[in-house]
Protein backbone atom coordinates (compact mmCIF):
# COMPACT_ATOMS: atom_id res chain seq x y z
CA MET A 1 -8.60 19.68 15.70
CA ILE A 2 -8.31 17.85 12.39
CA ILE A 3 -8.47 14.07 12.00
CA SER A 4 -7.66 12.31 8.73
CA ARG A 5 -8.35 8.67 7.92
CA THR A 6 -6.27 6.98 5.22
CA PRO A 7 -6.66 3.36 4.07
CA PHE A 8 -4.01 0.72 3.65
CA ARG A 9 -3.87 -1.17 0.36
CA ILE A 10 -3.47 -4.68 -0.98
CA SER A 11 -1.61 -4.92 -4.29
CA PHE A 12 -2.52 -7.79 -6.62
CA ALA A 13 0.05 -7.57 -9.43
CA GLY A 14 2.54 -5.24 -11.12
CA GLY A 15 4.64 -4.31 -8.10
CA GLY A 16 8.14 -3.34 -9.20
CA THR A 17 6.93 -1.70 -12.40
CA ASP A 18 6.12 1.40 -10.32
CA LEU A 19 9.85 1.89 -9.70
CA ALA A 20 11.47 4.60 -11.80
CA ALA A 21 14.10 2.11 -12.96
CA PHE A 22 11.31 0.38 -14.88
CA TYR A 23 8.71 3.01 -15.81
CA ARG A 24 11.31 5.47 -17.09
CA GLU A 25 11.96 2.93 -19.85
CA GLU A 26 8.37 1.80 -20.49
CA LYS A 27 4.95 2.03 -18.89
CA GLY A 28 4.39 0.27 -15.59
CA ALA A 29 1.03 -0.81 -14.18
CA VAL A 30 -0.33 -2.09 -10.87
CA THR A 31 -3.79 -3.38 -9.97
CA SER A 32 -4.65 -2.87 -6.30
CA SER A 33 -7.42 -2.06 -3.84
CA THR A 34 -7.64 -0.24 -0.55
CA ILE A 35 -9.12 -2.07 2.45
CA ASP A 36 -10.97 -1.11 5.62
CA LYS A 37 -7.81 -0.82 7.73
CA TYR A 38 -6.56 2.71 8.31
CA VAL A 39 -4.02 5.10 9.74
CA TYR A 40 -5.50 8.06 11.63
CA ILE A 41 -3.65 11.37 11.97
CA THR A 42 -4.70 14.14 14.34
CA VAL A 43 -3.43 17.70 14.14
CA ASN A 44 -4.36 20.07 16.94
CA LYS A 45 -3.32 23.54 18.07
CA ARG A 46 -0.83 23.42 20.93
CA PHE A 47 -1.05 25.75 23.94
CA ASP A 48 2.46 27.07 23.38
CA SER A 49 4.63 27.50 20.29
CA THR A 50 6.37 24.12 20.47
CA LEU A 51 5.72 21.06 18.33
CA ARG A 52 4.70 17.78 19.96
CA ILE A 53 4.92 14.73 17.68
CA SER A 54 3.61 11.43 19.05
CA TYR A 55 4.14 8.12 17.22
CA SER A 56 6.14 5.13 18.57
CA LYS A 57 8.07 7.79 20.49
CA THR A 58 7.27 11.35 21.52
CA GLU A 59 9.14 14.46 20.41
CA ILE A 60 8.73 17.95 21.81
CA VAL A 61 10.77 20.49 19.84
CA ASP A 62 10.80 24.22 19.13
CA ASN A 63 10.39 24.13 15.35
CA ALA A 64 9.95 21.84 12.34
CA ASP A 65 13.66 21.70 11.51
CA GLN A 66 14.32 19.93 14.82
CA VAL A 67 11.81 17.11 14.25
CA GLN A 68 13.56 13.73 14.04
CA HIS A 69 10.72 11.89 12.28
CA ARG A 70 11.79 12.48 8.70
CA ILE A 71 8.36 12.29 7.05
CA VAL A 72 6.77 14.59 9.64
CA ARG A 73 9.63 17.08 9.30
CA GLU A 74 9.37 17.25 5.50
CA ALA A 75 5.55 17.37 5.53
CA LEU A 76 5.68 20.35 7.89
CA ARG A 77 8.18 22.08 5.62
CA LEU A 78 6.12 21.37 2.52
CA THR A 79 2.88 22.65 4.04
CA GLY A 80 4.52 25.67 5.64
CA LEU A 81 3.50 24.79 9.21
CA LYS A 82 6.38 25.27 11.65
CA GLN A 83 5.24 25.66 15.28
CA GLY A 84 2.42 25.41 17.78
CA LEU A 85 1.04 22.01 16.75
CA GLU A 86 0.43 18.62 18.28
CA ILE A 87 0.49 15.71 15.80
CA THR A 88 -0.45 12.15 16.73
CA SER A 89 -0.91 8.95 14.74
CA ILE A 90 -2.59 5.62 15.35
CA ALA A 91 -2.97 2.71 12.94
CA ASP A 92 -5.04 -0.46 12.68
CA LEU A 93 -2.00 -2.45 11.51
CA PRO A 94 1.70 -2.39 12.39
CA ALA A 95 4.30 -0.93 10.05
CA GLY A 96 6.43 -3.21 7.92
CA THR A 97 3.63 -5.61 7.00
CA GLY A 98 3.39 -4.97 3.25
CA MET A 99 0.27 -2.81 3.35
CA GLY A 100 1.90 0.44 2.24
CA SER A 101 1.82 1.87 5.77
CA SER A 102 4.58 4.46 5.30
CA SER A 103 2.92 6.00 2.26
CA ALA A 104 -0.53 5.86 3.87
CA PHE A 105 0.96 7.74 6.83
CA THR A 106 2.51 10.34 4.53
CA VAL A 107 -0.70 10.86 2.55
CA GLY A 108 -2.82 11.10 5.71
CA LEU A 109 -0.40 13.50 7.37
CA LEU A 110 -0.36 15.82 4.36
CA ASN A 111 -4.16 15.71 4.16
CA ALA A 112 -4.49 16.64 7.85
CA LEU A 113 -1.87 19.42 7.70
CA HIS A 114 -3.39 21.00 4.60
CA ALA A 115 -6.84 20.85 6.20
CA TYR A 116 -5.50 22.46 9.38
CA ALA A 117 -4.14 25.28 7.21
CA GLY A 118 -7.59 25.67 5.64
CA ARG A 119 -6.67 24.20 2.27
CA HIS A 120 -8.58 21.56 0.30
CA THR A 121 -6.32 19.09 -1.46
CA SER A 122 -7.15 16.66 -4.25
CA ALA A 123 -6.13 13.01 -4.28
CA ALA A 124 -3.72 13.79 -7.11
CA GLN A 125 -1.99 16.52 -5.08
CA LEU A 126 -1.73 14.32 -1.99
CA ALA A 127 -0.20 11.46 -3.97
CA GLU A 128 2.23 13.73 -5.84
CA GLU A 129 3.39 15.45 -2.64
CA ALA A 130 3.77 12.13 -0.80
CA CYS A 131 5.95 10.83 -3.65
CA ARG A 132 7.99 14.03 -3.58
CA ILE A 133 8.68 13.61 0.15
CA GLU A 134 9.37 9.87 0.22
CA ILE A 135 11.18 9.41 -3.10
CA ASP A 136 12.64 12.76 -4.16
CA ILE A 137 13.50 14.37 -0.80
CA LEU A 138 14.13 11.39 1.49
CA GLY A 139 15.50 9.15 -1.26
CA GLU A 140 13.55 6.03 -0.26
CA PRO A 141 14.03 3.22 -2.84
CA ILE A 142 10.27 2.75 -3.24
CA GLY A 143 7.77 3.04 -6.07
CA LYS A 144 4.71 5.21 -6.52
CA GLN A 145 1.86 2.73 -6.19
CA ASP A 146 1.20 3.06 -2.45
CA GLN A 147 0.83 6.84 -2.40
CA TYR A 148 -1.70 6.83 -5.25
CA ALA A 149 -3.62 3.84 -3.88
CA SER A 150 -4.09 5.42 -0.45
CA ALA A 151 -4.89 8.89 -1.78
CA TYR A 152 -7.50 7.76 -4.33
CA GLY A 153 -8.91 4.64 -2.69
CA GLY A 154 -10.94 1.87 -4.30
CA LEU A 155 -10.12 -0.87 -6.81
CA ASN A 156 -7.80 0.67 -9.42
CA HIS A 157 -5.53 -0.08 -12.33
CA ILE A 158 -2.72 2.46 -11.90
CA GLU A 159 -0.39 3.28 -14.80
CA PHE A 160 3.09 4.78 -14.40
CA ASN A 161 4.32 6.57 -17.51
CA PRO A 162 7.88 7.29 -18.73
CA ASP A 163 7.29 11.05 -18.42
CA GLY A 164 6.55 10.62 -14.70
CA THR A 165 2.79 11.06 -14.93
CA VAL A 166 0.46 8.60 -13.23
CA TYR A 167 -2.99 7.57 -14.42
CA VAL A 168 -5.37 6.16 -11.82
CA ASN A 169 -8.06 4.21 -13.64
CA PRO A 170 -10.91 2.92 -11.47
CA VAL A 171 -11.74 -0.65 -12.42
CA ILE A 172 -15.30 -0.46 -13.68
CA SER A 173 -17.10 -3.56 -12.47
CA ARG A 174 -20.48 -4.60 -11.16
CA ARG A 175 -21.13 -4.34 -7.44
CA GLU A 176 -21.69 -8.11 -7.35
CA THR A 177 -18.21 -8.68 -8.83
CA ARG A 178 -16.54 -6.51 -6.19
CA GLU A 179 -18.52 -8.21 -3.44
CA GLU A 180 -17.56 -11.65 -4.71
CA LEU A 181 -13.91 -10.62 -4.91
CA GLY A 182 -13.99 -9.45 -1.31
CA LEU A 183 -15.61 -12.70 -0.15
CA ASN A 184 -12.95 -14.77 -1.92
CA LEU A 185 -9.90 -13.02 -0.45
CA MET A 186 -8.18 -14.08 2.76
CA LEU A 187 -5.35 -12.37 4.66
CA PHE A 188 -2.96 -14.06 7.09
CA TYR A 189 -0.33 -12.35 9.22
CA THR A 190 3.05 -14.09 9.23
CA GLY A 191 4.14 -12.35 12.44
CA VAL A 192 7.22 -10.94 10.73
CA THR A 193 7.67 -7.21 10.19
CA ARG A 194 10.47 -5.78 8.09
CA SER A 195 11.61 -2.64 6.36
CA ALA A 196 10.89 -2.72 2.62
CA SER A 197 13.99 -0.67 1.87
CA SER A 198 16.58 -3.46 1.90
CA VAL A 199 14.53 -5.67 -0.44
CA LEU A 200 13.66 -2.77 -2.72
CA VAL A 201 17.27 -1.61 -2.99
CA LYS A 202 18.20 -5.06 -4.27
CA GLN A 203 15.12 -5.13 -6.53
CA LYS A 204 16.08 -1.74 -7.97
CA GLU A 205 19.54 -3.08 -8.77
CA ASP A 206 18.01 -6.16 -10.41
CA THR A 207 15.39 -4.29 -12.46
CA THR A 208 17.44 -4.04 -15.65
CA ALA A 209 18.27 -7.74 -15.61
CA LYS A 210 14.63 -8.66 -14.89
CA LEU A 211 12.88 -6.41 -17.41
CA ALA A 212 11.22 -9.35 -19.17
CA VAL A 213 9.82 -10.69 -15.88
CA LEU A 214 8.56 -7.25 -14.86
CA ARG A 215 6.85 -6.84 -18.23
CA GLU A 216 5.00 -10.10 -17.60
CA MET A 217 3.96 -8.84 -14.15
CA ARG A 218 2.67 -5.61 -15.67
CA ASP A 219 0.73 -7.55 -18.30
CA ILE A 220 -0.84 -9.74 -15.61
CA SER A 221 -1.96 -6.54 -13.88
CA ASP A 222 -3.68 -5.52 -17.12
CA ARG A 223 -5.36 -8.92 -17.44
CA MET A 224 -6.61 -8.77 -13.85
CA ALA A 225 -8.35 -5.48 -14.54
CA GLU A 226 -9.98 -7.04 -17.59
CA VAL A 227 -11.23 -10.00 -15.51
CA PHE A 228 -12.84 -7.63 -13.01
CA GLN A 229 -14.44 -5.55 -15.73
CA ALA A 230 -15.84 -8.61 -17.50
CA GLY A 231 -17.31 -9.82 -14.22
CA ARG A 232 -17.19 -13.47 -15.30
CA ARG A 233 -14.98 -16.41 -14.37
CA LEU A 234 -13.54 -14.61 -11.34
CA HIS A 235 -11.53 -17.74 -10.53
CA GLU A 236 -9.22 -16.62 -13.36
CA PHE A 237 -8.12 -13.82 -11.03
CA GLY A 238 -6.91 -16.42 -8.54
CA GLU A 239 -4.95 -18.20 -11.24
CA LEU A 240 -3.38 -14.92 -12.34
CA LEU A 241 -2.50 -14.15 -8.73
CA HIS A 242 -0.58 -17.42 -8.55
CA GLU A 243 1.18 -16.70 -11.83
CA ALA A 244 2.15 -13.23 -10.63
CA TRP A 245 3.55 -14.60 -7.35
CA LEU A 246 5.80 -17.07 -9.13
CA LEU A 247 7.15 -14.21 -11.23
CA LYS A 248 7.57 -11.84 -8.28
CA ARG A 249 9.44 -14.48 -6.29
CA SER A 250 11.93 -14.79 -9.15
CA VAL A 251 12.77 -11.08 -9.33
CA THR A 252 15.26 -11.04 -6.48
CA SER A 253 16.35 -12.97 -3.42
CA GLY A 254 14.77 -11.91 -0.14
CA ILE A 255 11.20 -11.75 -1.43
CA SER A 256 10.36 -15.21 -0.10
CA ASN A 257 11.85 -17.66 2.38
CA PRO A 258 11.25 -21.31 3.41
CA ASP A 259 8.49 -20.43 5.89
CA ILE A 260 6.62 -18.30 3.37
CA ASP A 261 6.95 -21.02 0.72
CA ARG A 262 5.64 -23.62 3.19
CA TRP A 263 2.61 -21.53 4.14
CA TYR A 264 1.91 -20.74 0.51
CA GLU A 265 1.95 -24.40 -0.50
CA ALA A 266 -0.23 -25.35 2.47
CA ALA A 267 -2.84 -22.81 1.37
CA ARG A 268 -2.73 -24.13 -2.19
CA GLU A 269 -3.21 -27.69 -0.92
CA GLY A 270 -6.26 -26.44 1.01
CA GLY A 271 -7.85 -25.04 -2.13
CA ALA A 272 -6.42 -21.52 -2.59
CA LEU A 273 -6.19 -20.79 -6.32
CA GLY A 274 -3.42 -18.29 -5.88
CA GLY A 275 -1.83 -15.85 -3.52
CA LYS A 276 1.13 -13.63 -2.79
CA LEU A 277 3.13 -12.00 -0.07
CA LEU A 278 2.13 -8.35 0.18
CA GLY A 279 4.74 -5.64 -0.10
CA ALA A 280 8.41 -5.91 -0.92
CA GLY A 281 8.89 -9.34 0.62
CA GLY A 282 10.36 -11.17 3.58
CA GLY A 283 7.35 -10.93 5.91
CA GLY A 284 4.07 -9.16 6.57
CA PHE A 285 0.76 -10.48 5.24
CA LEU A 286 -0.03 -13.34 2.91
CA LEU A 287 -3.01 -12.76 0.61
CA PHE A 288 -4.94 -15.65 -0.97
CA PHE A 289 -7.81 -16.01 -3.41
CA VAL A 290 -9.97 -18.80 -1.99
CA GLU A 291 -13.39 -19.78 -3.26
CA ARG A 292 -15.86 -19.78 -0.41
CA GLN A 293 -16.26 -23.56 -0.16
CA ASN A 294 -12.51 -23.86 0.56
CA ARG A 295 -12.09 -21.07 3.10
CA ARG A 296 -12.33 -23.34 6.14
CA ALA A 297 -9.81 -25.82 4.75
CA VAL A 298 -7.30 -23.04 4.05
CA ALA A 299 -7.82 -21.50 7.49
CA GLU A 300 -7.20 -24.90 9.11
CA ARG A 301 -3.98 -25.44 7.16
CA LEU A 302 -2.75 -21.99 8.23
CA ALA A 303 -3.92 -22.31 11.83
CA ASP A 304 -0.53 -21.14 13.12
CA LEU A 305 -1.05 -17.78 11.41
CA ARG A 306 -3.45 -15.04 12.42
CA GLU A 307 -6.25 -14.44 9.92
CA LEU A 308 -7.29 -10.82 9.40
CA PRO A 309 -10.93 -10.30 8.35
CA PHE A 310 -11.32 -7.27 6.07
CA ARG A 311 -13.44 -5.62 3.40
CA LEU A 312 -12.53 -3.66 0.31
CA GLU A 313 -12.62 0.10 0.88
CA PRO A 314 -13.99 2.33 -1.91
CA GLU A 315 -12.68 5.64 -0.52
CA GLY A 316 -9.22 7.12 -0.20
CA SER A 317 -7.75 9.52 2.35
CA LYS A 318 -10.39 11.78 3.83
CA ILE A 319 -10.90 14.28 6.64
CA ILE A 320 -13.30 12.68 9.11
CA TYR A 321 -13.34 15.37 11.81
CA VAL A 322 -12.97 19.15 11.93
CA GLY A 323 -13.32 20.67 15.40
CA GLY A 324 -12.84 24.00 17.02
């Protein structure tokens, strides 16, 4: 048996510049971090030659070509594993909440399948193969940030180049800076799950018209990395987070809605310096930068939402169990 553990991510700024419609014209950049919430994938030898795939539903089929779960089917094809396996998944968070769950699943599944086949895979290979499956083969209208964030792990400034290459640059900062950042971040679940595809399709269509806004979002991502590296005046990160949210909300309709705007303003009134809705928009988790003396006031103003305690995760996808 093989078990992989792959972290979800929170993205601070630059989302949208990881779409090919933008980075094919000029460099994109995203600053993000993985957190201590994970998707676990198990791959085990099955008694007979069939495939059993267990997720929100269960499939038992004769070969990989018959698998209905599109990501599982393509991952099996890519890794060359066709029969005699049982694959299960379990996650700390539901899908459709803006944490990059689909890409974390894809990365973790590839990691587990390669390990089952006796192959070591690098973070770069996992991210590249996950992008190939989700974007190139399945045609999902998503960017590349989630695959690289989950594969590499940690606090990173990720650059997307016109030639298709991706540079993952760890943000070099003092341990105290990273700890302070973690203590000043709060997550709240809106209770709404949604598919990112519909929002991202519209965002892809709007990219050309919003190039100037996306450039500003990319530049804020660069400035955030600089704030972390300097390790001083971390409250500037919260202000940049607010600036980035105002820009993101203007990119296309569907990113925000009256409820999200109301919650966001309530958090700001309670002392949050900035925040954003994670993911493509429309639901999921709200992230806020809140200095410690204001955490209680913000939590009280958002009492109708569920707060999610978390920590920043320094590691990416990894194999946590290899059994006979």
